């Protein structure tokens, strides 16, 4: 069963990384996985949280920052537990990764930190900012998906690494949104008592 799963994983990696490649994705997807590319989005979310929550925005900002740290460290812990090599670290002639980055990262592969970080943040955003237009939620899910997909495309992760990171990220995002709501409820009740 496990051997078949790895076989499917390698098969879909080769499809995404090699067969489904094109010059447009070759130029765009490496940039999409870079944090600095998304700085305008993060600045927008910062100001939107202040606009939406006013003084209470500090709780949202703190929760988002702690989530970023926790999700990143969770990814690193899982990497060191599973110790799976990245596609670009394997030279067996089967994987044959096409690396689109200057260097292959030295850390392990499972799970993808990009996937766990972006899926956790996407779900946290959706559950806490509660946009009225549903298509905005779909945009954030697609945002996390395309960053995860780009990790496979550039040759640094297998599909299962991204899937595992997405599942872990969704769990963390939901958990932090739950904690955030509890924190806001507690803070609001304190404010009412002090009035």
Foldseek 3Di string as FASTA:
>chain_A
DVVVVVVVLLVVLCCQQPVPDDPVCLPPLVVLLDPVSCVVVVVVVLVLLCVVPPPLSVLVVVLLVVLLVVLLVVQQVQQVVVVAAFLVVDDPVSSPGQASDPDADPTGAAADSLLLNQLLNLLLCCLAVVDPDVVVSVVSVVSSVSSLSSCSRNRGYTPVNNVRSNVNNNVSSVVSSVVSVVVVVVVVVVVVVVD
